[in-house]
Amino acid sequence: MPDSTVHKTNIFGQEYIMKSSADAALMSKISNYVNQKMDELEESGLNPNSEQLKIAVHACMNIAYELFLEKNKKNEIIRGIEAKGDAFIEFIDDRIKNIETQK
């Protein structure tokens, strides 16, 4: 990793030492988000004392699901932009052909 920094973070009551190229503010936001997701699962009735691994795996799956939804949205937007770009290029090509045939 370029310019890696060691970060200390607390997730679900446990301290972790992480090495990352992200700055401290971003690492803090990420840790807070993971904690939020794990807290949501704890509030759903999972016992944090006996089901920590289950809470962690469910949180991981929920975050991965959100990531995949966002990636799909991004890909749909890219496909839409590419289609409009192709249509625009086709329109310009047609206009050029029309202008050339009028000469």
N, C-alpha and C. Protein backbone atom coordinates (compact mmCIF):
# COMPACT_ATOMS: atom_id res chain seq x y z
N MET A 1 0.83 -1.18 0.00
CA MET A 1 0.00 0.00 0.00
C MET A 1 0.88 1.24 0.00
N PRO A 2 0.57 2.19 -0.84
CA PRO A 2 1.37 3.42 -0.85
C PRO A 2 1.08 4.25 0.38
N ASP A 3 2.13 4.75 1.02
CA ASP A 3 2.01 5.62 2.20
C ASP A 3 1.07 5.06 3.25
N SER A 4 1.26 3.82 3.64
CA SER A 4 0.41 3.20 4.66
C SER A 4 0.68 3.81 6.03
N THR A 5 -0.39 3.93 6.78
CA THR A 5 -0.32 4.45 8.15
C THR A 5 -1.00 3.44 9.06
N VAL A 6 -0.52 3.34 10.28
CA VAL A 6 -1.13 2.45 11.25
C VAL A 6 -2.21 3.23 12.00
N HIS A 7 -3.40 2.64 12.08
CA HIS A 7 -4.53 3.26 12.76
C HIS A 7 -5.02 2.33 13.85
N LYS A 8 -5.37 2.91 14.98
CA LYS A 8 -5.97 2.16 16.07
C LYS A 8 -7.47 2.46 16.02
N THR A 9 -8.29 1.41 16.02
CA THR A 9 -9.74 1.61 15.96
C THR A 9 -10.44 0.64 16.89
N ASN A 10 -11.63 1.01 17.30
CA ASN A 10 -12.43 0.17 18.18
C ASN A 10 -13.71 -0.20 17.46
N ILE A 11 -13.91 -1.49 17.28
CA ILE A 11 -15.11 -1.98 16.61
C ILE A 11 -15.80 -2.97 17.53
N PHE A 12 -17.03 -2.63 17.88
CA PHE A 12 -17.88 -3.48 18.70
C PHE A 12 -17.19 -3.87 20.01
N GLY A 13 -16.51 -2.88 20.60
CA GLY A 13 -15.88 -3.07 21.89
C GLY A 13 -14.51 -3.71 21.87
N GLN A 14 -13.98 -3.96 20.69
CA GLN A 14 -12.65 -4.57 20.60
C GLN A 14 -11.73 -3.64 19.82
N GLU A 15 -10.50 -3.52 20.31
CA GLU A 15 -9.53 -2.65 19.66
C GLU A 15 -8.79 -3.40 18.56
N TYR A 16 -8.61 -2.72 17.44
CA TYR A 16 -7.89 -3.29 16.30
C TYR A 16 -6.82 -2.29 15.85
N ILE A 17 -5.71 -2.83 15.39
CA ILE A 17 -4.65 -2.02 14.79
C ILE A 17 -4.71 -2.33 13.29
N MET A 18 -4.93 -1.28 12.50
CA MET A 18 -5.11 -1.45 11.06
C MET A 18 -4.02 -0.67 10.32
N LYS A 19 -3.52 -1.23 9.25
CA LYS A 19 -2.57 -0.54 8.39
C LYS A 19 -3.31 -0.21 7.10
N SER A 20 -3.33 1.08 6.75
CA SER A 20 -4.11 1.52 5.59
C SER A 20 -3.52 2.79 5.00
N SER A 21 -3.82 3.01 3.72
CA SER A 21 -3.42 4.27 3.08
C SER A 21 -4.48 5.35 3.30
N ALA A 22 -5.62 4.98 3.91
CA ALA A 22 -6.66 5.95 4.22
C ALA A 22 -6.21 6.86 5.36
N ASP A 23 -6.72 8.10 5.34
CA ASP A 23 -6.37 9.00 6.44
C ASP A 23 -7.20 8.67 7.68
N ALA A 24 -6.82 9.26 8.78
CA ALA A 24 -7.45 8.95 10.07
C ALA A 24 -8.95 9.27 10.06
N ALA A 25 -9.34 10.37 9.42
CA ALA A 25 -10.75 10.75 9.39
C ALA A 25 -11.58 9.71 8.66
N LEU A 26 -11.07 9.22 7.53
CA LEU A 26 -11.80 8.20 6.77
C LEU A 26 -11.87 6.90 7.55
N MET A 27 -10.77 6.50 8.17
CA MET A 27 -10.78 5.27 8.98
C MET A 27 -11.79 5.38 10.11
N SER A 28 -11.90 6.55 10.70
CA SER A 28 -12.86 6.78 11.77
C SER A 28 -14.29 6.63 11.25
N LYS A 29 -14.56 7.22 10.08
CA LYS A 29 -15.89 7.10 9.47
C LYS A 29 -16.23 5.63 9.17
N ILE A 30 -15.26 4.91 8.65
CA ILE A 30 -15.48 3.49 8.33
C ILE A 30 -15.76 2.70 9.60
N SER A 31 -14.96 2.93 10.63
CA SER A 31 -15.17 2.24 11.90
C SER A 31 -16.54 2.55 12.49
N ASN A 32 -16.92 3.81 12.42
CA ASN A 32 -18.24 4.20 12.93
C ASN A 32 -19.35 3.52 12.15
N TYR A 33 -19.19 3.42 10.85
CA TYR A 33 -20.20 2.78 10.01
C TYR A 33 -20.33 1.30 10.36
N VAL A 34 -19.20 0.63 10.50
CA VAL A 34 -19.22 -0.80 10.86
C VAL A 34 -19.87 -0.97 12.23
N ASN A 35 -19.51 -0.12 13.18
CA ASN A 35 -20.13 -0.18 14.50
C ASN A 35 -21.63 0.03 14.43
N GLN A 36 -22.06 0.98 13.60
CA GLN A 36 -23.49 1.25 13.43
C GLN A 36 -24.21 0.01 12.91
N LYS A 37 -23.63 -0.64 11.91
CA LYS A 37 -24.25 -1.84 11.34
C LYS A 37 -24.31 -2.97 12.36
N MET A 38 -23.27 -3.10 13.15
CA MET A 38 -23.26 -4.15 14.17
C MET A 38 -24.25 -3.82 15.29
N ASP A 39 -24.36 -2.55 15.66
CA ASP A 39 -25.33 -2.14 16.67
C ASP A 39 -26.77 -2.41 16.21
N GLU A 40 -27.03 -2.17 14.92
CA GLU A 40 -28.36 -2.45 14.38
C GLU A 40 -28.71 -3.93 14.55
N LEU A 41 -27.75 -4.79 14.31
CA LEU A 41 -27.99 -6.22 14.46
C LEU A 41 -28.17 -6.60 15.93
N GLU A 42 -27.41 -5.98 16.79
CA GLU A 42 -27.56 -6.23 18.23
C GLU A 42 -28.97 -5.83 18.67
N GLU A 43 -29.46 -4.69 18.16
CA GLU A 43 -30.80 -4.22 18.51
C GLU A 43 -31.89 -5.13 17.97
N SER A 44 -31.57 -5.93 16.94
CA SER A 44 -32.56 -6.85 16.38
C SER A 44 -32.75 -8.08 17.25
N GLY A 45 -31.93 -8.20 18.32
CA GLY A 45 -32.12 -9.31 19.24
C GLY A 45 -30.95 -10.27 19.35
N LEU A 46 -29.92 -10.09 18.55
CA LEU A 46 -28.75 -10.97 18.66
C LEU A 46 -27.97 -10.60 19.92
N ASN A 47 -27.50 -11.59 20.63
CA ASN A 47 -26.78 -11.38 21.88
C ASN A 47 -25.32 -11.06 21.60
N PRO A 48 -24.85 -9.86 21.98
CA PRO A 48 -23.47 -9.48 21.69
C PRO A 48 -22.44 -10.30 22.47
N ASN A 49 -22.85 -10.93 23.54
CA ASN A 49 -21.91 -11.73 24.34
C ASN A 49 -21.68 -13.11 23.74
N SER A 50 -22.73 -13.72 23.21
CA SER A 50 -22.57 -15.09 22.72
C SER A 50 -22.63 -15.19 21.20
N GLU A 51 -23.00 -14.10 20.52
CA GLU A 51 -23.17 -14.18 19.06
C GLU A 51 -22.38 -13.10 18.33
N GLN A 52 -21.20 -12.76 18.85
CA GLN A 52 -20.39 -11.72 18.21
C GLN A 52 -20.01 -12.08 16.78
N LEU A 53 -19.63 -13.33 16.56
CA LEU A 53 -19.24 -13.74 15.21
C LEU A 53 -20.43 -13.65 14.27
N LYS A 54 -21.59 -14.08 14.72
CA LYS A 54 -22.79 -14.01 13.89
C LYS A 54 -23.12 -12.55 13.56
N ILE A 55 -23.00 -11.67 14.55
CA ILE A 55 -23.26 -10.24 14.31
C ILE A 55 -22.27 -9.69 13.29
N ALA A 56 -20.99 -10.06 13.43
CA ALA A 56 -19.96 -9.58 12.50
C ALA A 56 -20.22 -10.07 11.08
N VAL A 57 -20.58 -11.34 10.94
CA VAL A 57 -20.82 -11.90 9.60
C VAL A 57 -22.06 -11.26 8.98
N HIS A 58 -23.11 -11.09 9.76
CA HIS A 58 -24.32 -10.44 9.24
C HIS A 58 -24.03 -9.00 8.83
N ALA A 59 -23.27 -8.29 9.65
CA ALA A 59 -22.91 -6.91 9.31
C ALA A 59 -22.10 -6.88 8.02
N CYS A 60 -21.17 -7.81 7.89
CA CYS A 60 -20.36 -7.91 6.67
C CYS A 60 -21.24 -8.16 5.45
N MET A 61 -22.18 -9.08 5.59
CA MET A 61 -23.08 -9.39 4.46
C MET A 61 -23.95 -8.18 4.11
N ASN A 62 -24.45 -7.47 5.12
CA ASN A 62 -25.27 -6.28 4.86
C ASN A 62 -24.47 -5.19 4.15
N ILE A 63 -23.24 -4.98 4.60
CA ILE A 63 -22.38 -3.97 3.97
C ILE A 63 -22.03 -4.38 2.55
N ALA A 64 -21.74 -5.67 2.34
CA ALA A 64 -21.43 -6.16 0.99
C ALA A 64 -22.65 -6.00 0.07
N TYR A 65 -23.83 -6.24 0.60
CA TYR A 65 -25.06 -6.07 -0.17
C TYR A 65 -25.21 -4.61 -0.61
N GLU A 66 -25.00 -3.68 0.34
CA GLU A 66 -25.06 -2.26 0.00
C GLU A 66 -24.03 -1.90 -1.07
N LEU A 67 -22.84 -2.45 -0.95
CA LEU A 67 -21.79 -2.19 -1.94
C LEU A 67 -22.22 -2.67 -3.32
N PHE A 68 -22.76 -3.89 -3.40
CA PHE A 68 -23.18 -4.42 -4.69
C PHE A 68 -24.31 -3.60 -5.29
N LEU A 69 -25.26 -3.12 -4.46
CA LEU A 69 -26.32 -2.26 -4.98
C LEU A 69 -25.74 -0.98 -5.57
N GLU A 70 -24.79 -0.38 -4.87
CA GLU A 70 -24.18 0.86 -5.36
C GLU A 70 -23.37 0.62 -6.65
N LYS A 71 -22.67 -0.52 -6.70
CA LYS A 71 -21.92 -0.84 -7.92
C LYS A 71 -22.87 -1.03 -9.10
N ASN A 72 -24.00 -1.70 -8.86
CA ASN A 72 -24.98 -1.90 -9.93
C ASN A 72 -25.55 -0.58 -10.40
N LYS A 73 -25.86 0.33 -9.46
CA LYS A 73 -26.36 1.66 -9.83
C LYS A 73 -25.34 2.39 -10.69
N LYS A 74 -24.07 2.34 -10.25
CA LYS A 74 -23.00 3.01 -10.99
C LYS A 74 -22.89 2.44 -12.39
N ASN A 75 -22.94 1.11 -12.52
CA ASN A 75 -22.83 0.48 -13.83
C ASN A 75 -24.01 0.84 -14.73
N GLU A 76 -25.22 0.95 -14.15
CA GLU A 76 -26.38 1.37 -14.94
C GLU A 76 -26.20 2.80 -15.44
N ILE A 77 -25.68 3.67 -14.59
CA ILE A 77 -25.44 5.05 -15.00
C ILE A 77 -24.40 5.10 -16.12
N ILE A 78 -23.34 4.33 -15.98
CA ILE A 78 -22.29 4.29 -17.01
C ILE A 78 -22.87 3.78 -18.33
N ARG A 79 -23.68 2.71 -18.27
CA ARG A 79 -24.28 2.18 -19.51
C ARG A 79 -25.19 3.23 -20.15
N GLY A 80 -25.94 3.97 -19.33
CA GLY A 80 -26.80 5.03 -19.87
C GLY A 80 -26.00 6.13 -20.54
N ILE A 81 -24.91 6.54 -19.91
CA ILE A 81 -24.04 7.57 -20.48
C ILE A 81 -23.41 7.08 -21.78
N GLU A 82 -22.95 5.83 -21.78
CA GLU A 82 -22.36 5.27 -22.99
C GLU A 82 -23.38 5.20 -24.12
N ALA A 83 -24.62 4.81 -23.81
CA ALA A 83 -25.66 4.74 -24.85
C ALA A 83 -25.96 6.12 -25.41
N LYS A 84 -26.05 7.12 -24.53
CA LYS A 84 -26.29 8.48 -25.01
C LYS A 84 -25.12 9.00 -25.82
N GLY A 85 -23.90 8.65 -25.39
CA GLY A 85 -22.71 9.05 -26.14
C GLY A 85 -22.70 8.42 -27.53
N ASP A 86 -23.04 7.13 -27.60
CA ASP A 86 -23.10 6.44 -28.89
C ASP A 86 -24.16 7.07 -29.79
N ALA A 87 -25.33 7.39 -29.20
CA ALA A 87 -26.40 8.02 -29.99
C ALA A 87 -25.97 9.39 -30.48
N PHE A 88 -25.26 10.12 -29.66
CA PHE A 88 -24.79 11.45 -30.04
C PHE A 88 -23.77 11.35 -31.18
N ILE A 89 -22.86 10.40 -31.06
CA ILE A 89 -21.86 10.19 -32.12
C ILE A 89 -22.55 9.80 -33.42
N GLU A 90 -23.54 8.93 -33.33
CA GLU A 90 -24.29 8.52 -34.53
C GLU A 90 -25.01 9.72 -35.14
N PHE A 91 -25.59 10.58 -34.31
CA PHE A 91 -26.27 11.78 -34.80
C PHE A 91 -25.28 12.69 -35.52
N ILE A 92 -24.10 12.89 -34.94
CA ILE A 92 -23.08 13.75 -35.56
C ILE A 92 -22.62 13.14 -36.88
N ASP A 93 -22.37 11.83 -36.89
CA ASP A 93 -21.96 11.17 -38.14
C ASP A 93 -23.02 11.34 -39.22
N ASP A 94 -24.29 11.19 -38.85
CA ASP A 94 -25.37 11.36 -39.83
C ASP A 94 -25.42 12.79 -40.35
N ARG A 95 -25.24 13.77 -39.47
CA ARG A 95 -25.24 15.17 -39.88
C ARG A 95 -24.08 15.46 -40.83
N ILE A 96 -22.91 14.91 -40.52
CA ILE A 96 -21.74 15.11 -41.39
C ILE A 96 -22.02 14.50 -42.76
N LYS A 97 -22.58 13.31 -42.80
CA LYS A 97 -22.91 12.67 -44.09
C LYS A 97 -23.91 13.50 -44.87
N ASN A 98 -24.92 14.04 -44.18
CA ASN A 98 -25.91 14.88 -44.86
C ASN A 98 -25.27 16.15 -45.43
N ILE A 99 -24.39 16.75 -44.68
CA ILE A 99 -23.71 17.97 -45.14
C ILE A 99 -22.82 17.65 -46.33
N GLU A 100 -22.10 16.51 -46.28
CA GLU A 100 -21.22 16.14 -47.37
C GLU A 100 -21.99 15.79 -48.64
N THR A 101 -23.16 15.19 -48.51
CA THR A 101 -23.95 14.84 -49.70
C THR A 101 -24.62 16.06 -50.31
N GLN A 102 -24.78 17.13 -49.58
CA GLN A 102 -25.40 18.36 -50.08
C GLN A 102 -24.39 19.21 -50.87
N LYS A 103 -23.11 18.91 -50.78
CA LYS A 103 -22.10 19.70 -51.47
C LYS A 103 -22.09 19.43 -52.93
